[in-house]
PDB file of N, CA and C in Angstrom:
ATOM      1  N   MET A   1      96.663  98.233 106.509  1.00  0.00           N
ATOM      2  CA  MET A   1      95.798  98.666 105.443  1.00  0.00           C
ATOM      3  C   MET A   1      95.923  97.662 104.294  1.00  0.00           C
ATOM      4  N   THR A   2      94.803  97.297 103.729  1.00  0.00           N
ATOM      5  CA  THR A   2      94.805  96.337 102.618  1.00  0.00           C
ATOM      6  C   THR A   2      94.756  97.065 101.292  1.00  0.00           C
ATOM      7  N   ILE A   3      95.020  96.339 100.250  1.00  0.00           N
ATOM      8  CA  ILE A   3      94.926  96.901  98.884  1.00  0.00           C
ATOM      9  C   ILE A   3      93.523  97.414  98.612  1.00  0.00           C
ATOM     10  N   MET A   4      92.514  96.617  99.037  1.00  0.00           N
ATOM     11  CA  MET A   4      91.155  97.035  98.804  1.00  0.00           C
ATOM     12  C   MET A   4      90.815  98.275  99.623  1.00  0.00           C
ATOM     13  N   GLY A   5      91.398  98.397 100.808  1.00  0.00           N
ATOM     14  CA  GLY A   5      91.209  99.610 101.602  1.00  0.00           C
ATOM     15  C   GLY A   5      91.772 100.828 100.902  1.00  0.00           C
ATOM     16  N   ILE A   6      92.926 100.655 100.277  1.00  0.00           N
ATOM     17  CA  ILE A   6      93.510 101.771  99.521  1.00  0.00           C
ATOM     18  C   ILE A   6      92.646 102.146  98.354  1.00  0.00           C
ATOM     19  N   LEU A   7      92.141 101.117  97.622  1.00  0.00           N
ATOM     20  CA  LEU A   7      91.256 101.393  96.474  1.00  0.00           C
ATOM     21  C   LEU A   7      90.007 102.117  96.937  1.00  0.00           C
ATOM     22  N   ASN A   8      89.436 101.706  98.055  1.00  0.00           N
ATOM     23  CA  ASN A   8      88.250 102.377  98.574  1.00  0.00           C
ATOM     24  C   ASN A   8      88.556 103.843  98.946  1.00  0.00           C
ATOM     25  N   ALA A   9      89.742 104.097  99.489  1.00  0.00           N
ATOM     26  CA  ALA A   9      90.105 105.463  99.806  1.00  0.00           C
ATOM     27  C   ALA A   9      90.248 106.300  98.535  1.00  0.00           C
ATOM     28  N   PHE A  10      90.801 105.716  97.490  1.00  0.00           N
ATOM     29  CA  PHE A  10      90.896 106.392  96.196  1.00  0.00           C
ATOM     30  C   PHE A  10      89.504 106.719  95.686  1.00  0.00           C
ATOM     31  N   GLU A  11      88.583 105.767  95.783  1.00  0.00           N
ATOM     32  CA  GLU A  11      87.211 106.006  95.303  1.00  0.00           C
ATOM     33  C   GLU A  11      86.530 107.109  96.097  1.00  0.00           C
ATOM     34  N   GLU A  12      86.728 107.137  97.402  1.00  0.00           N
ATOM     35  CA  GLU A  12      86.153 108.207  98.221  1.00  0.00           C
ATOM     36  C   GLU A  12      86.731 109.560  97.813  1.00  0.00           C
ATOM     37  N   SER A  13      88.037 109.607  97.591  1.00  0.00           N
ATOM     38  CA  SER A  13      88.665 110.838  97.166  1.00  0.00           C
ATOM     39  C   SER A  13      88.119 111.277  95.813  1.00  0.00           C
ATOM     40  N   ASN A  14      87.954 110.336  94.889  1.00  0.00           N
ATOM     41  CA  ASN A  14      87.412 110.628  93.578  1.00  0.00           C
ATOM     42  C   ASN A  14      85.997 111.175  93.687  1.00  0.00           C
ATOM     43  N   ALA A  15      85.186 110.586  94.530  1.00  0.00           N
ATOM     44  CA  ALA A  15      83.825 111.061  94.715  1.00  0.00           C
ATOM     45  C   ALA A  15      83.793 112.454  95.291  1.00  0.00           C
ATOM     46  N   HIS A  16      84.717 112.728  96.220  1.00  0.00           N
ATOM     47  CA  HIS A  16      84.783 114.089  96.814  1.00  0.00           C
ATOM     48  C   HIS A  16      85.159 115.120  95.728  1.00  0.00           C
ATOM     49  N   LEU A  17      86.142 114.781  94.885  1.00  0.00           N
ATOM     50  CA  LEU A  17      86.544 115.683  93.819  1.00  0.00           C
ATOM     51  C   LEU A  17      85.395 115.911  92.838  1.00  0.00           C
ATOM     52  N   GLN A  18      84.639 114.870  92.543  1.00  0.00           N
ATOM     53  CA  GLN A  18      83.502 115.036  91.641  1.00  0.00           C
ATOM     54  C   GLN A  18      82.435 115.958  92.230  1.00  0.00           C
ATOM     55  N   SER A  19      82.312 115.958  93.565  1.00  0.00           N
ATOM     56  CA  SER A  19      81.316 116.812  94.192  1.00  0.00           C
ATOM     57  C   SER A  19      81.714 118.293  94.063  1.00  0.00           C
ATOM     58  N   LEU A  20      82.923 118.572  93.698  1.00  0.00           N
ATOM     59  CA  LEU A  20      83.388 119.947  93.554  1.00  0.00           C
ATOM     60  C   LEU A  20      83.122 120.563  92.163  1.00  0.00           C
ATOM     61  N   PHE A  21      82.715 119.715  91.205  1.00  0.00           N
ATOM     62  CA  PHE A  21      82.528 120.198  89.840  1.00  0.00           C
ATOM     63  C   PHE A  21      81.538 121.351  89.750  1.00  0.00           C
ATOM     64  N   LYS A  22      80.370 121.149  90.310  1.00  0.00           N
ATOM     65  CA  LYS A  22      79.305 122.166  90.194  1.00  0.00           C
ATOM     66  C   LYS A  22      79.779 123.503  90.826  1.00  0.00           C
ATOM     67  N   PRO A  23      80.280 123.524  92.065  1.00  0.00           N
ATOM     68  CA  PRO A  23      80.755 124.778  92.619  1.00  0.00           C
ATOM     69  C   PRO A  23      81.865 125.425  91.793  1.00  0.00           C
ATOM     70  N   LEU A  24      82.752 124.592  91.258  1.00  0.00           N
ATOM     71  CA  LEU A  24      83.811 125.143  90.398  1.00  0.00           C
ATOM     72  C   LEU A  24      83.240 125.789  89.163  1.00  0.00           C
ATOM     73  N   GLU A  25      82.318 125.063  88.496  1.00  0.00           N
ATOM     74  CA  GLU A  25      81.760 125.614  87.276  1.00  0.00           C
ATOM     75  C   GLU A  25      80.964 126.915  87.549  1.00  0.00           C
ATOM     76  N   GLU A  26      80.307 126.978  88.682  1.00  0.00           N
ATOM     77  CA  GLU A  26      79.553 128.188  89.037  1.00  0.00           C
ATOM     78  C   GLU A  26      80.454 129.333  89.395  1.00  0.00           C
ATOM     79  N   SER A  27      81.657 129.034  89.887  1.00  0.00           N
ATOM     80  CA  SER A  27      82.564 130.098  90.298  1.00  0.00           C
ATOM     81  C   SER A  27      83.259 130.776  89.149  1.00  0.00           C
ATOM     82  N   PHE A  28      83.376 130.095  88.005  1.00  0.00           N
ATOM     83  CA  PHE A  28      84.023 130.693  86.864  1.00  0.00           C
ATOM     84  C   PHE A  28      83.043 131.508  86.067  1.00  0.00           C
ATOM     85  N   THR A  29      83.200 132.814  86.070  1.00  0.00           N
ATOM     86  CA  THR A  29      82.310 133.716  85.303  1.00  0.00           C
ATOM     87  C   THR A  29      83.198 134.680  84.530  1.00  0.00           C
ATOM     88  N   GLY A  30      82.601 135.316  83.530  1.00  0.00           N
ATOM     89  CA  GLY A  30      83.350 136.314  82.767  1.00  0.00           C
ATOM     90  C   GLY A  30      84.545 135.744  82.089  1.00  0.00           C
ATOM     91  N   ASN A  31      85.632 136.490  82.108  1.00  0.00           N
ATOM     92  CA  ASN A  31      86.847 136.071  81.443  1.00  0.00           C
ATOM     93  C   ASN A  31      87.447 134.804  82.066  1.00  0.00           C
ATOM     94  N   ALA A  32      87.218 134.593  83.329  1.00  0.00           N
ATOM     95  CA  ALA A  32      87.726 133.415  83.995  1.00  0.00           C
ATOM     96  C   ALA A  32      87.099 132.136  83.461  1.00  0.00           C
ATOM     97  N   ALA A  33      85.847 132.238  82.964  1.00  0.00           N
ATOM     98  CA  ALA A  33      85.139 131.044  82.451  1.00  0.00           C
ATOM     99  C   ALA A  33      85.874 130.479  81.229  1.00  0.00           C
ATOM    100  N   SER A  34      86.415 131.359  80.402  1.00  0.00           N
ATOM    101  CA  SER A  34      87.083 130.827  79.184  1.00  0.00           C
ATOM    102  C   SER A  34      88.343 130.020  79.528  1.00  0.00           C
ATOM    103  N   GLU A  35      88.945 130.310  80.673  1.00  0.00           N
ATOM    104  CA  GLU A  35      90.128 129.543  81.104  1.00  0.00           C
ATOM    105  C   GLU A  35      89.741 128.422  82.052  1.00  0.00           C
ATOM    106  N   GLY A  36      88.847 128.703  82.973  1.00  0.00           N
ATOM    107  CA  GLY A  36      88.522 127.744  84.021  1.00  0.00           C
ATOM    108  C   GLY A  36      87.643 126.592  83.625  1.00  0.00           C
ATOM    109  N   LEU A  37      86.616 126.866  82.826  1.00  0.00           N
ATOM    110  CA  LEU A  37      85.668 125.779  82.427  1.00  0.00           C
ATOM    111  C   LEU A  37      86.311 124.681  81.656  1.00  0.00           C
ATOM    112  N   PRO A  38      87.231 124.966  80.708  1.00  0.00           N
ATOM    113  CA  PRO A  38      87.909 123.864  80.042  1.00  0.00           C
ATOM    114  C   PRO A  38      88.746 123.004  81.004  1.00  0.00           C
ATOM    115  N   LYS A  39      89.314 123.644  82.028  1.00  0.00           N
ATOM    116  CA  LYS A  39      90.093 122.905  83.032  1.00  0.00           C
ATOM    117  C   LYS A  39      89.191 121.990  83.840  1.00  0.00           C
ATOM    118  N   VAL A  40      87.993 122.456  84.190  1.00  0.00           N
ATOM    119  CA  VAL A  40      87.047 121.644  84.897  1.00  0.00           C
ATOM    120  C   VAL A  40      86.618 120.468  84.024  1.00  0.00           C
ATOM    121  N   ALA A  41      86.376 120.731  82.734  1.00  0.00           N
ATOM    122  CA  ALA A  41      85.989 119.659  81.816  1.00  0.00           C
ATOM    123  C   ALA A  41      87.093 118.620  81.734  1.00  0.00           C
ATOM    124  N   GLN A  42      88.361 119.073  81.655  1.00  0.00           N
ATOM    125  CA  GLN A  42      89.485 118.129  81.621  1.00  0.00           C
ATOM    126  C   GLN A  42      89.585 117.348  82.879  1.00  0.00           C
ATOM    127  N   LEU A  43      89.350 117.994  84.014  1.00  0.00           N
ATOM    128  CA  LEU A  43      89.360 117.274  85.309  1.00  0.00           C
ATOM    129  C   LEU A  43      88.274 116.218  85.341  1.00  0.00           C
ATOM    130  N   LYS A  44      87.080 116.509  84.829  1.00  0.00           N
ATOM    131  CA  LYS A  44      86.014 115.508  84.766  1.00  0.00           C
ATOM    132  C   LYS A  44      86.447 114.316  83.954  1.00  0.00           C
ATOM    133  N   THR A  45      87.037 114.593  82.788  1.00  0.00           N
ATOM    134  CA  THR A  45      87.512 113.504  81.925  1.00  0.00           C
ATOM    135  C   THR A  45      88.577 112.672  82.641  1.00  0.00           C
ATOM    136  N   ASP A  46      89.538 113.339  83.234  1.00  0.00           N
ATOM    137  CA  ASP A  46      90.621 112.639  83.943  1.00  0.00           C
ATOM    138  C   ASP A  46      90.081 111.771  85.077  1.00  0.00           C
ATOM    139  N   LEU A  47      89.163 112.300  85.841  1.00  0.00           N
ATOM    140  CA  LEU A  47      88.595 111.533  86.939  1.00  0.00           C
ATOM    141  C   LEU A  47      87.776 110.338  86.460  1.00  0.00           C
ATOM    142  N   ALA A  48      87.073 110.531  85.369  1.00  0.00           N
ATOM    143  CA  ALA A  48      86.330 109.381  84.784  1.00  0.00           C
ATOM    144  C   ALA A  48      87.297 108.300  84.374  1.00  0.00           C
ATOM    145  N   GLU A  49      88.389 108.688  83.712  1.00  0.00           N
ATOM    146  CA  GLU A  49      89.409 107.694  83.318  1.00  0.00           C
ATOM    147  C   GLU A  49      90.048 107.011  84.552  1.00  0.00           C
ATOM    148  N   PHE A  50      90.266 107.785  85.596  1.00  0.00           N
ATOM    149  CA  PHE A  50      90.822 107.263  86.811  1.00  0.00           C
ATOM    150  C   PHE A  50      89.902 106.255  87.441  1.00  0.00           C
ATOM    151  N   ARG A  51      88.602 106.601  87.468  1.00  0.00           N
ATOM    152  CA  ARG A  51      87.606 105.658  88.037  1.00  0.00           C
ATOM    153  C   ARG A  51      87.561 104.362  87.238  1.00  0.00           C
ATOM    154  N   THR A  52      87.624 104.473  85.921  1.00  0.00           N
ATOM    155  CA  THR A  52      87.643 103.271  85.081  1.00  0.00           C
ATOM    156  C   THR A  52      88.880 102.404  85.380  1.00  0.00           C
ATOM    157  N   ALA A  53      90.025 103.051  85.519  1.00  0.00           N
ATOM    158  CA  ALA A  53      91.247 102.335  85.840  1.00  0.00           C
ATOM    159  C   ALA A  53      91.164 101.677  87.208  1.00  0.00           C
ATOM    160  N   LEU A  54      90.570 102.370  88.205  1.00  0.00           N
ATOM    161  CA  LEU A  54      90.383 101.765  89.520  1.00  0.00           C
ATOM    162  C   LEU A  54      89.504 100.548  89.451  1.00  0.00           C
ATOM    163  N   ASN A  55      88.428 100.631  88.692  1.00  0.00           N
ATOM    164  CA  ASN A  55      87.504  99.491  88.554  1.00  0.00           C
ATOM    165  C   ASN A  55      88.206  98.318  87.897  1.00  0.00           C
ATOM    166  N   THR A  56      89.024  98.606  86.887  1.00  0.00           N
ATOM    167  CA  THR A  56      89.781  97.552  86.217  1.00  0.00           C
ATOM    168  C   THR A  56      90.764  96.907  87.162  1.00  0.00           C
ATOM    169  N   LEU A  57      91.457  97.750  87.957  1.00  0.00           N
ATOM    170  CA  LEU A  57      92.386  97.218  88.957  1.00  0.00           C
ATOM    171  C   LEU A  57      91.694  96.400  89.999  1.00  0.00           C
ATOM    172  N   ARG A  58      90.539  96.880  90.479  1.00  0.00           N
ATOM    173  CA  ARG A  58      89.762  96.124  91.473  1.00  0.00           C
ATOM    174  C   ARG A  58      89.346  94.752  90.918  1.00  0.00           C
ATOM    175  N   GLY A  59      88.929  94.723  89.678  1.00  0.00           N
ATOM    176  CA  GLY A  59      88.575  93.461  89.056  1.00  0.00           C
ATOM    177  C   GLY A  59      89.726  92.516  88.930  1.00  0.00           C
ATOM    178  N   ALA A  60      90.887  93.027  88.557  1.00  0.00           N
ATOM    179  CA  ALA A  60      92.080  92.206  88.461  1.00  0.00           C
ATOM    180  C   ALA A  60      92.486  91.659  89.807  1.00  0.00           C
ATOM    181  N   ILE A  61      92.403  92.456  90.842  1.00  0.00           N
ATOM    182  CA  ILE A  61      92.742  91.966  92.205  1.00  0.00           C
ATOM    183  C   ILE A  61      91.778  90.915  92.637  1.00  0.00           C
ATOM    184  N   GLU A  62      90.496  91.132  92.394  1.00  0.00           N
ATOM    185  CA  GLU A  62      89.507  90.116  92.781  1.00  0.00           C
ATOM    186  C   GLU A  62      89.715  88.797  92.037  1.00  0.00           C
ATOM    187  N   ALA A  63      90.059  88.909  90.729  1.00  0.00           N
ATOM    188  CA  ALA A  63      90.243  87.701  89.944  1.00  0.00           C
ATOM    189  C   ALA A  63      91.500  86.930  90.382  1.00  0.00           C
ATOM    190  N   THR A  64      92.460  87.623  90.904  1.00  0.00           N
ATOM    191  CA  THR A  64      93.700  86.997  91.318  1.00  0.00           C
ATOM    192  C   THR A  64      93.705  86.615  92.781  1.00  0.00           C
ATOM    193  N   GLY A  65      93.394  87.583  93.633  1.00  0.00           N
ATOM    194  CA  GLY A  65      93.551  87.314  95.076  1.00  0.00           C
ATOM    195  C   GLY A  65      92.275  87.315  95.871  1.00  0.00           C
ATOM    196  N   GLY A  66      91.143  87.470  95.216  1.00  0.00           N
ATOM    197  CA  GLY A  66      89.888  87.487  95.934  1.00  0.00           C
ATOM    198  C   GLY A  66      89.525  86.118  96.475  1.00  0.00           C
ATOM    199  N   SER A  67      88.367  86.056  97.114  1.00  0.00           N
ATOM    200  CA  SER A  67      87.955  84.792  97.765  1.00  0.00           C
ATOM    201  C   SER A  67      87.736  83.657  96.737  1.00  0.00           C
ATOM    202  N   ALA A  68      87.557  84.011  95.484  1.00  0.00           N
ATOM    203  CA  ALA A  68      87.405  83.000  94.443  1.00  0.00           C
ATOM    204  C   ALA A  68      88.487  83.154  93.390  1.00  0.00           C
ATOM    205  N   GLY A  69      89.586  83.800  93.723  1.00  0.00           N
ATOM    206  CA  GLY A  69      90.644  84.096  92.772  1.00  0.00           C
ATOM    207  C   GLY A  69      91.589  82.945  92.565  1.00  0.00           C
ATOM    208  N   THR A  70      92.520  83.161  91.649  1.00  0.00           N
ATOM    209  CA  THR A  70      93.471  82.122  91.261  1.00  0.00           C
ATOM    210  C   THR A  70      94.438  81.830  92.427  1.00  0.00           C
ATOM    211  N   VAL A  71      94.743  82.809  93.285  1.00  0.00           N
ATOM    212  CA  VAL A  71      95.620  82.541  94.420  1.00  0.00           C
ATOM    213  C   VAL A  71      94.970  81.500  95.335  1.00  0.00           C
ATOM    214  N   LYS A  72      93.676  81.629  95.576  1.00  0.00           N
ATOM    215  CA  LYS A  72      92.958  80.667  96.438  1.00  0.00           C
ATOM    216  C   LYS A  72      92.992  79.298  95.787  1.00  0.00           C
ATOM    217  N   ASP A  73      92.723  79.264  94.483  1.00  0.00           N
ATOM    218  CA  ASP A  73      92.725  77.980  93.767  1.00  0.00           C
ATOM    219  C   ASP A  73      94.116  77.293  93.878  1.00  0.00           C
ATOM    220  N   THR A  74      95.150  78.083  93.687  1.00  0.00           N
ATOM    221  CA  THR A  74      96.536  77.566  93.775  1.00  0.00           C
ATOM    222  C   THR A  74      96.824  77.079  95.175  1.00  0.00           C
ATOM    223  N   ASP A  75      96.437  77.873  96.172  1.00  0.00           N
ATOM    224  CA  ASP A  75      96.669  77.462  97.561  1.00  0.00           C
ATOM    225  C   ASP A  75      95.946  76.167  97.911  1.00  0.00           C
ATOM    226  N   MET A  76      94.716  76.026  97.434  1.00  0.00           N
ATOM    227  CA  MET A  76      93.966  74.796  97.701  1.00  0.00           C
ATOM    228  C   MET A  76      94.609  73.581  97.021  1.00  0.00           C
ATOM    229  N   ALA A  77      95.101  73.797  95.800  1.00  0.00           N
ATOM    230  CA  ALA A  77      95.765  72.698  95.099  1.00  0.00           C
ATOM    231  C   ALA A  77      97.061  72.292  95.811  1.00  0.00           C
ATOM    232  N   GLN A  78      97.785  73.282  96.270  1.00  0.00           N
ATOM    233  CA  GLN A  78      99.023  72.976  96.995  1.00  0.00           C
ATOM    234  C   GLN A  78      98.713  72.284  98.336  1.00  0.00           C
ATOM    235  N   ALA A  79      97.685  72.698  98.971  1.00  0.00           N
ATOM    236  CA  ALA A  79      97.284  72.070 100.260  1.00  0.00           C
ATOM    237  C   ALA A  79      96.908  70.642 100.015  1.00  0.00           C
ATOM    238  N   ALA A  80      96.197  70.375  98.932  1.00  0.00           N
ATOM    239  CA  ALA A  80      95.823  68.982  98.629  1.00  0.00           C
ATOM    240  C   ALA A  80      97.039  68.123  98.361  1.00  0.00           C
ATOM    241  N   ARG A  81      98.022  68.681  97.686  1.00  0.00           N
ATOM    242  CA  ARG A  81      99.265  67.945  97.437  1.00  0.00           C
ATOM    243  C   ARG A  81      99.990  67.660  98.749  1.00  0.00           C
ATOM    244  N   PHE A  82     100.022  68.642  99.633  1.00  0.00           N
ATOM    245  CA  PHE A  82     100.700  68.483 100.903  1.00  0.00           C
ATOM    246  C   PHE A  82      99.991  67.413 101.725  1.00  0.00           C
ATOM    247  N   LEU A  83      98.672  67.444 101.762  1.00  0.00           N
ATOM    248  CA  LEU A  83      97.913  66.466 102.550  1.00  0.00           C
ATOM    249  C   LEU A  83      98.023  65.061 101.986  1.00  0.00           C
ATOM    250  N   ALA A  84      98.332  64.969 100.674  1.00  0.00           N
ATOM    251  CA  ALA A  84      98.451  63.641 100.022  1.00  0.00           C
ATOM    252  C   ALA A  84      99.783  62.955 100.310  1.00  0.00           C
ATOM    253  N   ILE A  85     100.736  63.698 100.885  1.00  0.00           N
ATOM    254  CA  ILE A  85     102.047  63.121 101.179  1.00  0.00           C
ATOM    255  C   ILE A  85     101.878  62.099 102.319  1.00  0.00           C
ATOM    256  N   GLN A  86     102.405  60.933 102.088  1.00  0.00           N
ATOM    257  CA  GLN A  86     102.313  59.853 103.078  1.00  0.00           C
ATOM    258  C   GLN A  86     103.517  59.770 103.909  1.00  0.00           C
TER     259      GLN A  86
END
């Protein structure tokens, strides 16, 4: 499993949790609504922050290890040095 595979799994899990918001909100009625709805709102906020953090992490990984990242640039520079050895 790759890092990007793990991030994709997190995103799928996040999307699944978001799909539960409406049923959760509809299930809290009466006295339960005063306790449950704020928890659902907090969960929405937490998942939005989590998604933002995942996107930031994905961007950092792409910038460092992606096909155009700094790791590739470093590897190419090192390969050029190696090939230049006589």
